[in-house]
PDB file of N, CA and C in Angstrom:
ATOM      1  N   MET A   1      97.133  78.515 112.527  1.00  0.00           N
ATOM      2  CA  MET A   1      97.612  78.429 111.167  1.00  0.00           C
ATOM      3  C   MET A   1      96.435  78.672 110.219  1.00  0.00           C
ATOM      4  N   ASP A   2      96.654  79.452 109.202  1.00  0.00           N
ATOM      5  CA  ASP A   2      95.647  79.794 108.205  1.00  0.00           C
ATOM      6  C   ASP A   2      95.120  78.533 107.517  1.00  0.00           C
ATOM      7  N   SER A   3      93.818  78.481 107.262  1.00  0.00           N
ATOM      8  CA  SER A   3      93.213  77.288 106.653  1.00  0.00           C
ATOM      9  C   SER A   3      93.749  77.015 105.247  1.00  0.00           C
ATOM     10  N   GLN A   4      94.104  78.065 104.520  1.00  0.00           N
ATOM     11  CA  GLN A   4      94.677  77.869 103.183  1.00  0.00           C
ATOM     12  C   GLN A   4      96.060  77.220 103.291  1.00  0.00           C
ATOM     13  N   VAL A   5      96.845  77.643 104.264  1.00  0.00           N
ATOM     14  CA  VAL A   5      98.168  77.065 104.493  1.00  0.00           C
ATOM     15  C   VAL A   5      98.024  75.604 104.910  1.00  0.00           C
ATOM     16  N   LYS A   6      97.048  75.331 105.778  1.00  0.00           N
ATOM     17  CA  LYS A   6      96.799  73.950 106.210  1.00  0.00           C
ATOM     18  C   LYS A   6      96.464  73.067 105.014  1.00  0.00           C
ATOM     19  N   ALA A   7      95.624  73.562 104.145  1.00  0.00           N
ATOM     20  CA  ALA A   7      95.229  72.792 102.965  1.00  0.00           C
ATOM     21  C   ALA A   7      96.434  72.536 102.056  1.00  0.00           C
ATOM     22  N   GLN A   8      97.278  73.542 101.896  1.00  0.00           N
ATOM     23  CA  GLN A   8      98.482  73.378 101.080  1.00  0.00           C
ATOM     24  C   GLN A   8      99.429  72.352 101.700  1.00  0.00           C
ATOM     25  N   LEU A   9      99.605  72.418 103.008  1.00  0.00           N
ATOM     26  CA  LEU A   9     100.463  71.460 103.696  1.00  0.00           C
ATOM     27  C   LEU A   9      99.941  70.034 103.539  1.00  0.00           C
ATOM     28  N   GLN A  10      98.637  69.865 103.689  1.00  0.00           N
ATOM     29  CA  GLN A  10      98.050  68.535 103.543  1.00  0.00           C
ATOM     30  C   GLN A  10      98.206  68.012 102.112  1.00  0.00           C
ATOM     31  N   GLU A  11      98.037  68.891 101.131  1.00  0.00           N
ATOM     32  CA  GLU A  11      98.205  68.496  99.732  1.00  0.00           C
ATOM     33  C   GLU A  11      99.656  68.077  99.467  1.00  0.00           C
ATOM     34  N   MET A  12     100.598  68.873  99.972  1.00  0.00           N
ATOM     35  CA  MET A  12     102.010  68.533  99.785  1.00  0.00           C
ATOM     36  C   MET A  12     102.363  67.242 100.519  1.00  0.00           C
ATOM     37  N   LYS A  13     101.812  67.060 101.725  1.00  0.00           N
ATOM     38  CA  LYS A  13     102.064  65.834 102.482  1.00  0.00           C
ATOM     39  C   LYS A  13     101.583  64.626 101.694  1.00  0.00           C
ATOM     40  N   SER A  14     100.417  64.744 101.109  1.00  0.00           N
ATOM     41  CA  SER A  14      99.859  63.649 100.312  1.00  0.00           C
ATOM     42  C   SER A  14     100.771  63.303  99.135  1.00  0.00           C
ATOM     43  N   LYS A  15     101.299  64.321  98.491  1.00  0.00           N
ATOM     44  CA  LYS A  15     102.194  64.099  97.358  1.00  0.00           C
ATOM     45  C   LYS A  15     103.526  63.486  97.805  1.00  0.00           C
ATOM     46  N   ILE A  16     104.042  63.932  98.941  1.00  0.00           N
ATOM     47  CA  ILE A  16     105.283  63.367  99.476  1.00  0.00           C
ATOM     48  C   ILE A  16     105.081  61.893  99.817  1.00  0.00           C
ATOM     49  N   ASP A  17     103.948  61.581 100.445  1.00  0.00           N
ATOM     50  CA  ASP A  17     103.643  60.187 100.766  1.00  0.00           C
ATOM     51  C   ASP A  17     103.561  59.343  99.494  1.00  0.00           C
ATOM     52  N   ARG A  18     102.995  59.917  98.457  1.00  0.00           N
ATOM     53  CA  ARG A  18     102.880  59.193  97.175  1.00  0.00           C
ATOM     54  C   ARG A  18     104.264  58.965  96.557  1.00  0.00           C
ATOM     55  N   ILE A  19     105.130  59.978  96.607  1.00  0.00           N
ATOM     56  CA  ILE A  19     106.504  59.827  96.096  1.00  0.00           C
ATOM     57  C   ILE A  19     107.211  58.704  96.834  1.00  0.00           C
ATOM     58  N   GLU A  20     107.051  58.700  98.157  1.00  0.00           N
ATOM     59  CA  GLU A  20     107.695  57.674  98.974  1.00  0.00           C
ATOM     60  C   GLU A  20     107.178  56.273  98.611  1.00  0.00           C
ATOM     61  N   LYS A  21     105.882  56.155  98.435  1.00  0.00           N
ATOM     62  CA  LYS A  21     105.273  54.868  98.081  1.00  0.00           C
ATOM     63  C   LYS A  21     105.760  54.395  96.713  1.00  0.00           C
ATOM     64  N   LEU A  22     105.763  55.294  95.738  1.00  0.00           N
ATOM     65  CA  LEU A  22     106.183  54.923  94.386  1.00  0.00           C
ATOM     66  C   LEU A  22     107.667  54.568  94.329  1.00  0.00           C
ATOM     67  N   ALA A  23     108.488  55.295  95.069  1.00  0.00           N
ATOM     68  CA  ALA A  23     109.925  54.985  95.105  1.00  0.00           C
ATOM     69  C   ALA A  23     110.152  53.602  95.703  1.00  0.00           C
ATOM     70  N   GLY A  24     109.393  53.274  96.737  1.00  0.00           N
ATOM     71  CA  GLY A  24     109.480  51.943  97.333  1.00  0.00           C
ATOM     72  C   GLY A  24     109.059  50.863  96.357  1.00  0.00           C
ATOM     73  N   GLU A  25     108.034  51.156  95.573  1.00  0.00           N
ATOM     74  CA  GLU A  25     107.569  50.197  94.569  1.00  0.00           C
ATOM     75  C   GLU A  25     108.599  50.006  93.459  1.00  0.00           C
ATOM     76  N   LEU A  26     109.334  51.037  93.124  1.00  0.00           N
ATOM     77  CA  LEU A  26     110.404  50.925  92.126  1.00  0.00           C
ATOM     78  C   LEU A  26     111.561  50.082  92.639  1.00  0.00           C
ATOM     79  N   ASN A  27     111.809  50.193  93.913  1.00  0.00           N
ATOM     80  CA  ASN A  27     112.943  49.515  94.525  1.00  0.00           C
ATOM     81  C   ASN A  27     112.827  47.996  94.395  1.00  0.00           C
ATOM     82  N   GLU A  28     111.630  47.444  94.570  1.00  0.00           N
ATOM     83  CA  GLU A  28     111.445  45.993  94.535  1.00  0.00           C
ATOM     84  C   GLU A  28     111.761  45.379  93.178  1.00  0.00           C
ATOM     85  N   PRO A  29     111.112  45.802  92.090  1.00  0.00           N
ATOM     86  CA  PRO A  29     111.428  45.168  90.802  1.00  0.00           C
ATOM     87  C   PRO A  29     112.794  45.575  90.253  1.00  0.00           C
ATOM     88  N   GLY A  30     113.367  46.621  90.815  1.00  0.00           N
ATOM     89  CA  GLY A  30     114.656  47.110  90.346  1.00  0.00           C
ATOM     90  C   GLY A  30     115.848  46.462  91.029  1.00  0.00           C
ATOM     91  N   GLN A  31     115.582  45.510  91.928  1.00  0.00           N
ATOM     92  CA  GLN A  31     116.679  44.823  92.614  1.00  0.00           C
ATOM     93  C   GLN A  31     117.600  44.173  91.587  1.00  0.00           C
ATOM     94  N   GLY A  32     118.880  44.403  91.758  1.00  0.00           N
ATOM     95  CA  GLY A  32     119.863  43.835  90.831  1.00  0.00           C
ATOM     96  C   GLY A  32     120.219  44.763  89.686  1.00  0.00           C
ATOM     97  N   ILE A  33     119.497  45.873  89.570  1.00  0.00           N
ATOM     98  CA  ILE A  33     119.801  46.868  88.543  1.00  0.00           C
ATOM     99  C   ILE A  33     120.346  48.091  89.285  1.00  0.00           C
ATOM    100  N   PRO A  34     121.675  48.244  89.310  1.00  0.00           N
ATOM    101  CA  PRO A  34     122.294  49.280  90.154  1.00  0.00           C
ATOM    102  C   PRO A  34     121.720  50.679  89.975  1.00  0.00           C
ATOM    103  N   VAL A  35     121.475  51.093  88.745  1.00  0.00           N
ATOM    104  CA  VAL A  35     120.983  52.460  88.539  1.00  0.00           C
ATOM    105  C   VAL A  35     119.586  52.641  89.136  1.00  0.00           C
ATOM    106  N   VAL A  36     118.751  51.620  89.068  1.00  0.00           N
ATOM    107  CA  VAL A  36     117.410  51.707  89.649  1.00  0.00           C
ATOM    108  C   VAL A  36     117.508  51.703  91.173  1.00  0.00           C
ATOM    109  N   GLU A  37     118.321  50.794  91.723  1.00  0.00           N
ATOM    110  CA  GLU A  37     118.495  50.729  93.172  1.00  0.00           C
ATOM    111  C   GLU A  37     118.989  52.064  93.725  1.00  0.00           C
ATOM    112  N   LYS A  38     120.003  52.625  93.068  1.00  0.00           N
ATOM    113  CA  LYS A  38     120.597  53.881  93.533  1.00  0.00           C
ATOM    114  C   LYS A  38     119.596  55.027  93.467  1.00  0.00           C
ATOM    115  N   ASN A  39     118.922  55.168  92.346  1.00  0.00           N
ATOM    116  CA  ASN A  39     118.006  56.297  92.177  1.00  0.00           C
ATOM    117  C   ASN A  39     116.736  56.145  93.005  1.00  0.00           C
ATOM    118  N   ALA A  40     116.270  54.923  93.187  1.00  0.00           N
ATOM    119  CA  ALA A  40     115.113  54.708  94.064  1.00  0.00           C
ATOM    120  C   ALA A  40     115.475  55.096  95.495  1.00  0.00           C
ATOM    121  N   GLN A  41     116.691  54.746  95.913  1.00  0.00           N
ATOM    122  CA  GLN A  41     117.148  55.114  97.255  1.00  0.00           C
ATOM    123  C   GLN A  41     117.255  56.631  97.399  1.00  0.00           C
ATOM    124  N   ILE A  42     117.729  57.295  96.363  1.00  0.00           N
ATOM    125  CA  ILE A  42     117.819  58.765  96.390  1.00  0.00           C
ATOM    126  C   ILE A  42     116.422  59.375  96.510  1.00  0.00           C
ATOM    127  N   LEU A  43     115.453  58.828  95.773  1.00  0.00           N
ATOM    128  CA  LEU A  43     114.076  59.321  95.874  1.00  0.00           C
ATOM    129  C   LEU A  43     113.526  59.135  97.283  1.00  0.00           C
ATOM    130  N   LEU A  44     113.800  57.967  97.883  1.00  0.00           N
ATOM    131  CA  LEU A  44     113.335  57.722  99.252  1.00  0.00           C
ATOM    132  C   LEU A  44     113.972  58.702 100.235  1.00  0.00           C
ATOM    133  N   CYS A  45     115.252  58.963 100.062  1.00  0.00           N
ATOM    134  CA  CYS A  45     115.940  59.922 100.940  1.00  0.00           C
ATOM    135  C   CYS A  45     115.384  61.330 100.768  1.00  0.00           C
ATOM    136  N   THR A  46     115.114  61.705  99.537  1.00  0.00           N
ATOM    137  CA  THR A  46     114.561  63.032  99.259  1.00  0.00           C
ATOM    138  C   THR A  46     113.177  63.172  99.884  1.00  0.00           C
ATOM    139  N   ALA A  47     112.354  62.135  99.760  1.00  0.00           N
ATOM    140  CA  ALA A  47     111.023  62.170 100.369  1.00  0.00           C
ATOM    141  C   ALA A  47     111.133  62.307 101.885  1.00  0.00           C
ATOM    142  N   CYS A  48     112.106  61.634 102.469  1.00  0.00           N
ATOM    143  CA  CYS A  48     112.322  61.721 103.919  1.00  0.00           C
ATOM    144  C   CYS A  48     112.676  63.155 104.329  1.00  0.00           C
ATOM    145  N   VAL A  49     113.538  63.789 103.567  1.00  0.00           N
ATOM    146  CA  VAL A  49     113.931  65.168 103.864  1.00  0.00           C
ATOM    147  C   VAL A  49     112.734  66.111 103.714  1.00  0.00           C
ATOM    148  N   LEU A  50     111.928  65.895 102.683  1.00  0.00           N
ATOM    149  CA  LEU A  50     110.738  66.719 102.495  1.00  0.00           C
ATOM    150  C   LEU A  50     109.770  66.566 103.669  1.00  0.00           C
ATOM    151  N   LYS A  51     109.689  65.364 104.208  1.00  0.00           N
ATOM    152  CA  LYS A  51     108.795  65.128 105.341  1.00  0.00           C
ATOM    153  C   LYS A  51     109.158  66.012 106.529  1.00  0.00           C
ATOM    154  N   PHE A  52     110.449  66.207 106.758  1.00  0.00           N
ATOM    155  CA  PHE A  52     110.861  67.045 107.884  1.00  0.00           C
ATOM    156  C   PHE A  52     110.312  68.455 107.744  1.00  0.00           C
ATOM    157  N   GLY A  53     110.264  68.960 106.518  1.00  0.00           N
ATOM    158  CA  GLY A  53     109.836  70.332 106.317  1.00  0.00           C
ATOM    159  C   GLY A  53     108.355  70.507 106.110  1.00  0.00           C
ATOM    160  N   ILE A  54     107.677  69.477 105.622  1.00  0.00           N
ATOM    161  CA  ILE A  54     106.273  69.634 105.253  1.00  0.00           C
ATOM    162  C   ILE A  54     105.365  68.678 106.021  1.00  0.00           C
ATOM    163  N   ALA A  55     105.575  67.402 105.823  1.00  0.00           N
ATOM    164  CA  ALA A  55     104.657  66.407 106.369  1.00  0.00           C
ATOM    165  C   ALA A  55     104.624  66.432 107.890  1.00  0.00           C
ATOM    166  N   ASP A  56     105.772  66.612 108.525  1.00  0.00           N
ATOM    167  CA  ASP A  56     105.806  66.653 109.983  1.00  0.00           C
ATOM    168  C   ASP A  56     104.984  67.825 110.514  1.00  0.00           C
ATOM    169  N   ILE A  57     105.076  68.962 109.865  1.00  0.00           N
ATOM    170  CA  ILE A  57     104.310  70.136 110.288  1.00  0.00           C
ATOM    171  C   ILE A  57     102.814  69.869 110.132  1.00  0.00           C
ATOM    172  N   ALA A  58     102.437  69.262 109.015  1.00  0.00           N
ATOM    173  CA  ALA A  58     101.025  68.942 108.784  1.00  0.00           C
ATOM    174  C   ALA A  58     100.526  67.939 109.817  1.00  0.00           C
ATOM    175  N   ASP A  59     101.343  66.937 110.153  1.00  0.00           N
ATOM    176  CA  ASP A  59     100.955  65.941 111.151  1.00  0.00           C
ATOM    177  C   ASP A  59     100.813  66.559 112.537  1.00  0.00           C
ATOM    178  N   ILE A  60     101.737  67.426 112.902  1.00  0.00           N
ATOM    179  CA  ILE A  60     101.679  68.084 114.205  1.00  0.00           C
ATOM    180  C   ILE A  60     100.424  68.941 114.297  1.00  0.00           C
ATOM    181  N   ASP A  61     100.142  69.691 113.241  1.00  0.00           N
ATOM    182  CA  ASP A  61      98.949  70.551 113.242  1.00  0.00           C
ATOM    183  C   ASP A  61      97.693  69.706 113.358  1.00  0.00           C
ATOM    184  N   ALA A  62      97.644  68.580 112.630  1.00  0.00           N
ATOM    185  CA  ALA A  62      96.469  67.708 112.690  1.00  0.00           C
ATOM    186  C   ALA A  62      96.311  67.100 114.083  1.00  0.00           C
ATOM    187  N   ALA A  63      97.427  66.717 114.700  1.00  0.00           N
ATOM    188  CA  ALA A  63      97.389  66.116 116.041  1.00  0.00           C
ATOM    189  C   ALA A  63      96.899  67.124 117.091  1.00  0.00           C
ATOM    190  N   GLN A  64      97.207  68.379 116.870  1.00  0.00           N
ATOM    191  CA  GLN A  64      96.794  69.428 117.804  1.00  0.00           C
ATOM    192  C   GLN A  64      95.386  69.925 117.503  1.00  0.00           C
ATOM    193  N   GLY A  65      94.764  69.333 116.515  1.00  0.00           N
ATOM    194  CA  GLY A  65      93.408  69.729 116.164  1.00  0.00           C
ATOM    195  C   GLY A  65      93.336  71.045 115.436  1.00  0.00           C
ATOM    196  N   GLY A  66      94.459  71.434 114.813  1.00  0.00           N
ATOM    197  CA  GLY A  66      94.486  72.668 114.047  1.00  0.00           C
ATOM    198  C   GLY A  66      94.650  73.922 114.873  1.00  0.00           C
ATOM    199  N   LYS A  67      94.971  73.742 116.160  1.00  0.00           N
ATOM    200  CA  LYS A  67      95.156  74.911 117.029  1.00  0.00           C
ATOM    201  C   LYS A  67      96.547  75.464 116.837  1.00  0.00           C
ATOM    202  N   GLN A  68      96.710  76.755 117.054  1.00  0.00           N
ATOM    203  CA  GLN A  68      98.030  77.382 116.938  1.00  0.00           C
ATOM    204  C   GLN A  68      98.831  77.188 118.182  1.00  0.00           C
TER     205      GLN A  68
END
């Protein structure tokens, strides 16, 4: 895999992880507020879907030591 692509994947993975963390943080103080609970859950689900396409690929590449 090209080093530029690897760097892009890692950057996107970092951002996805941050989205997931922030959505989780919203979920706690938003308990009891239906619109916050619902939208925080949607954000968590979206981050999960993004992981399948981006973060998982970056993790697999890192685990393989960057080999093709």
